[in-house]
Amino acid sequence: MTTRTASATWNGTLLEGSGTITNVESGAIGALPVSWPRRSEAHEGVTSPEELLAAAHAACFAMALSGALARNTTPAERLDVSATVAFEKVEAGWRVTSSKLTLKGVVPGLDAAKFAEIAEGAKGGCPISSALAGNVAISLEIVA
């Protein structure tokens, strides 16, 4: 088992207060400001849990697909992945409702149909996709 730890602080009320992602265990990122208005409106250079979730989903899917392509003996030369996470107000309150993965890949010797098949399989095999499954709609678009 592997664990990862991150910390955050919050000061004040939800609407007028603000917070900071103060620490991640690896030290790879530090002091990132967060606030409700920047989360639910224009970001204005402030991150949000949803943006961090999008980054995690994009990186996780890229790794899962890279592994699947290697097992197929068609390793990728390059995979460019983005994730767009939707955060919206629904009847039950504010929720992450979807994560759209967009993929562009360079995989020598692999036709588009097989690439799409392997990518769809990797989408379900990505641990972040598994964590979101059943709660968040996950889609994949492959672009040329």
C-alpha atoms as a PDB file:
ATOM      1  CA  MET A   1       0.000   0.000   0.000  1.00  0.00           C
ATOM      2  CA  THR A   2       1.126   3.528  -0.776  1.00  0.00           C
ATOM      3  CA  THR A   3      -0.340   6.639   0.790  1.00  0.00           C
ATOM      4  CA  ARG A   4      -0.011  10.293  -0.106  1.00  0.00           C
ATOM      5  CA  THR A   5      -0.775  13.240   2.148  1.00  0.00           C
ATOM      6  CA  ALA A   6      -1.742  16.828   1.424  1.00  0.00           C
ATOM      7  CA  SER A   7      -2.811  19.593   3.795  1.00  0.00           C
ATOM      8  CA  ALA A   8      -4.989  22.668   3.539  1.00  0.00           C
ATOM      9  CA  THR A   9      -6.074  25.498   5.813  1.00  0.00           C
ATOM     10  CA  TRP A  10      -9.228  27.614   5.642  1.00  0.00           C
ATOM     11  CA  ASN A  11      -9.921  30.974   7.265  1.00  0.00           C
ATOM     12  CA  GLY A  12     -13.342  32.592   7.577  1.00  0.00           C
ATOM     13  CA  THR A  13     -16.704  31.734   6.111  1.00  0.00           C
ATOM     14  CA  LEU A  14     -17.225  29.797   2.912  1.00  0.00           C
ATOM     15  CA  LEU A  15     -18.272  32.808   0.852  1.00  0.00           C
ATOM     16  CA  GLU A  16     -15.907  35.452   2.230  1.00  0.00           C
ATOM     17  CA  GLY A  17     -13.060  33.293   3.485  1.00  0.00           C
ATOM     18  CA  SER A  18     -10.118  31.772   1.718  1.00  0.00           C
ATOM     19  CA  GLY A  19      -7.726  28.921   2.087  1.00  0.00           C
ATOM     20  CA  THR A  20      -4.428  27.517   1.023  1.00  0.00           C
ATOM     21  CA  ILE A  21      -3.294  24.091  -0.005  1.00  0.00           C
ATOM     22  CA  THR A  22      -0.368  24.316   2.342  1.00  0.00           C
ATOM     23  CA  ASN A  23       1.604  21.187   1.680  1.00  0.00           C
ATOM     24  CA  VAL A  24       1.859  18.032  -0.344  1.00  0.00           C
ATOM     25  CA  GLU A  25       3.992  15.235   1.045  1.00  0.00           C
ATOM     26  CA  SER A  26       6.279  15.074  -2.004  1.00  0.00           C
ATOM     27  CA  GLY A  27       7.005  18.800  -1.913  1.00  0.00           C
ATOM     28  CA  ALA A  28       6.230  18.969  -5.639  1.00  0.00           C
ATOM     29  CA  ILE A  29       3.722  21.771  -5.106  1.00  0.00           C
ATOM     30  CA  GLY A  30       3.210  24.138  -2.243  1.00  0.00           C
ATOM     31  CA  ALA A  31       1.126  27.071  -1.086  1.00  0.00           C
ATOM     32  CA  LEU A  32      -1.728  27.201  -3.581  1.00  0.00           C
ATOM     33  CA  PRO A  33      -4.551  29.628  -2.772  1.00  0.00           C
ATOM     34  CA  VAL A  34      -8.201  28.471  -2.928  1.00  0.00           C
ATOM     35  CA  SER A  35     -11.488  30.330  -2.425  1.00  0.00           C
ATOM     36  CA  TRP A  36     -15.165  29.682  -3.015  1.00  0.00           C
ATOM     37  CA  PRO A  37     -15.674  32.498  -5.560  1.00  0.00           C
ATOM     38  CA  ARG A  38     -12.602  31.335  -7.510  1.00  0.00           C
ATOM     39  CA  ARG A  39     -13.933  27.755  -7.308  1.00  0.00           C
ATOM     40  CA  SER A  40     -17.456  28.437  -8.510  1.00  0.00           C
ATOM     41  CA  GLU A  41     -16.830  31.441 -10.808  1.00  0.00           C
ATOM     42  CA  ALA A  42     -13.799  32.700 -12.759  1.00  0.00           C
ATOM     43  CA  HIS A  43     -10.558  31.232 -11.394  1.00  0.00           C
ATOM     44  CA  GLU A  44      -8.470  34.425 -11.701  1.00  0.00           C
ATOM     45  CA  GLY A  45      -5.260  32.485 -11.142  1.00  0.00           C
ATOM     46  CA  VAL A  46      -6.492  30.572  -8.072  1.00  0.00           C
ATOM     47  CA  THR A  47      -6.730  26.783  -8.177  1.00  0.00           C
ATOM     48  CA  SER A  48      -9.581  24.576  -6.977  1.00  0.00           C
ATOM     49  CA  PRO A  49     -10.074  20.986  -5.864  1.00  0.00           C
ATOM     50  CA  GLU A  50     -11.681  20.325  -9.249  1.00  0.00           C
ATOM     51  CA  GLU A  51      -8.650  21.627 -11.153  1.00  0.00           C
ATOM     52  CA  LEU A  52      -6.414  19.382  -9.065  1.00  0.00           C
ATOM     53  CA  LEU A  53      -8.780  16.469  -9.731  1.00  0.00           C
ATOM     54  CA  ALA A  54      -8.538  17.195 -13.472  1.00  0.00           C
ATOM     55  CA  ALA A  55      -4.737  17.146 -13.262  1.00  0.00           C
ATOM     56  CA  ALA A  56      -4.806  13.875 -11.345  1.00  0.00           C
ATOM     57  CA  HIS A  57      -7.229  12.275 -13.812  1.00  0.00           C
ATOM     58  CA  ALA A  58      -5.202  13.351 -16.866  1.00  0.00           C
ATOM     59  CA  ALA A  59      -1.931  12.061 -15.390  1.00  0.00           C
ATOM     60  CA  CYS A  60      -3.478   8.805 -14.146  1.00  0.00           C
ATOM     61  CA  PHE A  61      -5.126   8.041 -17.493  1.00  0.00           C
ATOM     62  CA  ALA A  62      -1.897   8.830 -19.389  1.00  0.00           C
ATOM     63  CA  MET A  63      -0.009   6.355 -17.188  1.00  0.00           C
ATOM     64  CA  ALA A  64      -2.705   3.668 -17.489  1.00  0.00           C
ATOM     65  CA  LEU A  65      -2.770   4.029 -21.271  1.00  0.00           C
ATOM     66  CA  SER A  66       1.019   3.994 -21.501  1.00  0.00           C
ATOM     67  CA  GLY A  67       1.064   0.710 -19.594  1.00  0.00           C
ATOM     68  CA  ALA A  68      -1.690  -0.805 -21.740  1.00  0.00           C
ATOM     69  CA  LEU A  69       0.095   0.182 -24.948  1.00  0.00           C
ATOM     70  CA  ALA A  70       3.361  -1.328 -23.698  1.00  0.00           C
ATOM     71  CA  ARG A  71       1.565  -4.589 -22.844  1.00  0.00           C
ATOM     72  CA  ASN A  72       0.234  -4.555 -26.417  1.00  0.00           C
ATOM     73  CA  THR A  73       3.877  -4.253 -27.583  1.00  0.00           C
ATOM     74  CA  THR A  74       3.034  -0.915 -29.201  1.00  0.00           C
ATOM     75  CA  PRO A  75       4.540   1.636 -26.822  1.00  0.00           C
ATOM     76  CA  ALA A  76       3.527   5.245 -27.264  1.00  0.00           C
ATOM     77  CA  GLU A  77       5.988   7.772 -28.536  1.00  0.00           C
ATOM     78  CA  ARG A  78       3.871  10.535 -26.982  1.00  0.00           C
ATOM     79  CA  LEU A  79       0.511  10.871 -25.232  1.00  0.00           C
ATOM     80  CA  ASP A  80      -1.074  14.274 -24.658  1.00  0.00           C
ATOM     81  CA  VAL A  81      -4.016  14.071 -22.263  1.00  0.00           C
ATOM     82  CA  SER A  82      -6.221  16.751 -20.785  1.00  0.00           C
ATOM     83  CA  ALA A  83      -9.139  16.357 -18.413  1.00  0.00           C
ATOM     84  CA  THR A  84     -11.969  18.828 -18.076  1.00  0.00           C
ATOM     85  CA  VAL A  85     -13.851  18.431 -14.810  1.00  0.00           C
ATOM     86  CA  ALA A  86     -17.322  19.986 -14.517  1.00  0.00           C
ATOM     87  CA  PHE A  87     -18.352  21.417 -11.140  1.00  0.00           C
ATOM     88  CA  GLU A  88     -21.952  22.500 -11.135  1.00  0.00           C
ATOM     89  CA  LYS A  89     -24.914  23.154  -8.928  1.00  0.00           C
ATOM     90  CA  VAL A  90     -27.496  20.375  -9.146  1.00  0.00           C
ATOM     91  CA  GLU A  91     -30.573  19.637  -7.077  1.00  0.00           C
ATOM     92  CA  ALA A  92     -28.486  17.983  -4.345  1.00  0.00           C
ATOM     93  CA  GLY A  93     -26.015  20.915  -4.212  1.00  0.00           C
ATOM     94  CA  TRP A  94     -22.613  21.526  -5.804  1.00  0.00           C
ATOM     95  CA  ARG A  95     -21.125  18.382  -7.353  1.00  0.00           C
ATOM     96  CA  VAL A  96     -18.415  17.227  -9.714  1.00  0.00           C
ATOM     97  CA  THR A  97     -20.628  15.882 -12.489  1.00  0.00           C
ATOM     98  CA  SER A  98     -18.225  14.875 -15.244  1.00  0.00           C
ATOM     99  CA  SER A  99     -14.645  14.430 -16.308  1.00  0.00           C
ATOM    100  CA  LYS A 100     -13.932  14.584 -20.027  1.00  0.00           C
ATOM    101  CA  LEU A 101     -10.599  13.121 -21.071  1.00  0.00           C
ATOM    102  CA  THR A 102      -9.178  14.374 -24.360  1.00  0.00           C
ATOM    103  CA  LEU A 103      -6.379  12.335 -25.896  1.00  0.00           C
ATOM    104  CA  LYS A 104      -3.929  12.793 -28.708  1.00  0.00           C
ATOM    105  CA  GLY A 105      -1.344  10.094 -29.163  1.00  0.00           C
ATOM    106  CA  VAL A 106       1.557   9.115 -31.361  1.00  0.00           C
ATOM    107  CA  VAL A 107       1.857   5.328 -31.387  1.00  0.00           C
ATOM    108  CA  PRO A 108       3.924   3.971 -34.277  1.00  0.00           C
ATOM    109  CA  GLY A 109       2.553   0.802 -35.840  1.00  0.00           C
ATOM    110  CA  LEU A 110      -0.919   1.027 -34.266  1.00  0.00           C
ATOM    111  CA  ASP A 111      -4.059   1.799 -36.273  1.00  0.00           C
ATOM    112  CA  ALA A 112      -6.682   4.242 -35.010  1.00  0.00           C
ATOM    113  CA  ALA A 113      -9.302   1.579 -34.223  1.00  0.00           C
ATOM    114  CA  LYS A 114      -6.958  -0.462 -32.038  1.00  0.00           C
ATOM    115  CA  PHE A 115      -5.663   2.707 -30.366  1.00  0.00           C
ATOM    116  CA  ALA A 116      -9.252   3.676 -29.496  1.00  0.00           C
ATOM    117  CA  GLU A 117      -9.977   0.192 -28.153  1.00  0.00           C
ATOM    118  CA  ILE A 118      -6.905   0.205 -25.911  1.00  0.00           C
ATOM    119  CA  ALA A 119      -7.631   3.772 -24.768  1.00  0.00           C
ATOM    120  CA  GLU A 120     -11.216   2.877 -23.786  1.00  0.00           C
ATOM    121  CA  GLY A 121      -9.912  -0.048 -21.755  1.00  0.00           C
ATOM    122  CA  ALA A 122      -7.317   2.134 -20.041  1.00  0.00           C
ATOM    123  CA  LYS A 123     -10.001   4.681 -19.174  1.00  0.00           C
ATOM    124  CA  GLY A 124     -11.713   2.103 -16.977  1.00  0.00           C
ATOM    125  CA  GLY A 125      -8.426   0.785 -15.593  1.00  0.00           C
ATOM    126  CA  CYS A 126      -7.154   4.140 -14.376  1.00  0.00           C
ATOM    127  CA  PRO A 127      -7.400   4.269 -10.548  1.00  0.00           C
ATOM    128  CA  ILE A 128      -8.778   7.830 -10.594  1.00  0.00           C
ATOM    129  CA  SER A 129     -11.471   6.744 -13.081  1.00  0.00           C
ATOM    130  CA  SER A 130     -12.266   3.852 -10.739  1.00  0.00           C
ATOM    131  CA  ALA A 131     -12.593   6.250  -7.795  1.00  0.00           C
ATOM    132  CA  LEU A 132     -14.990   8.449  -9.782  1.00  0.00           C
ATOM    133  CA  ALA A 133     -17.002   5.581 -11.330  1.00  0.00           C
ATOM    134  CA  GLY A 134     -20.663   5.585 -10.437  1.00  0.00           C
ATOM    135  CA  ASN A 135     -20.544   9.203  -9.262  1.00  0.00           C
ATOM    136  CA  VAL A 136     -19.080  11.140 -12.171  1.00  0.00           C
ATOM    137  CA  ALA A 137     -19.698  10.732 -15.907  1.00  0.00           C
ATOM    138  CA  ILE A 138     -16.374   9.928 -17.577  1.00  0.00           C
ATOM    139  CA  SER A 139     -15.917  10.373 -21.304  1.00  0.00           C
ATOM    140  CA  LEU A 140     -13.001  10.057 -23.693  1.00  0.00           C
ATOM    141  CA  GLU A 141     -12.433  11.973 -26.917  1.00  0.00           C
ATOM    142  CA  ILE A 142      -9.570  11.014 -29.193  1.00  0.00           C
ATOM    143  CA  VAL A 143      -8.382  13.824 -31.440  1.00  0.00           C
ATOM    144  CA  ALA A 144      -6.136  13.594 -34.471  1.00  0.00           C
END
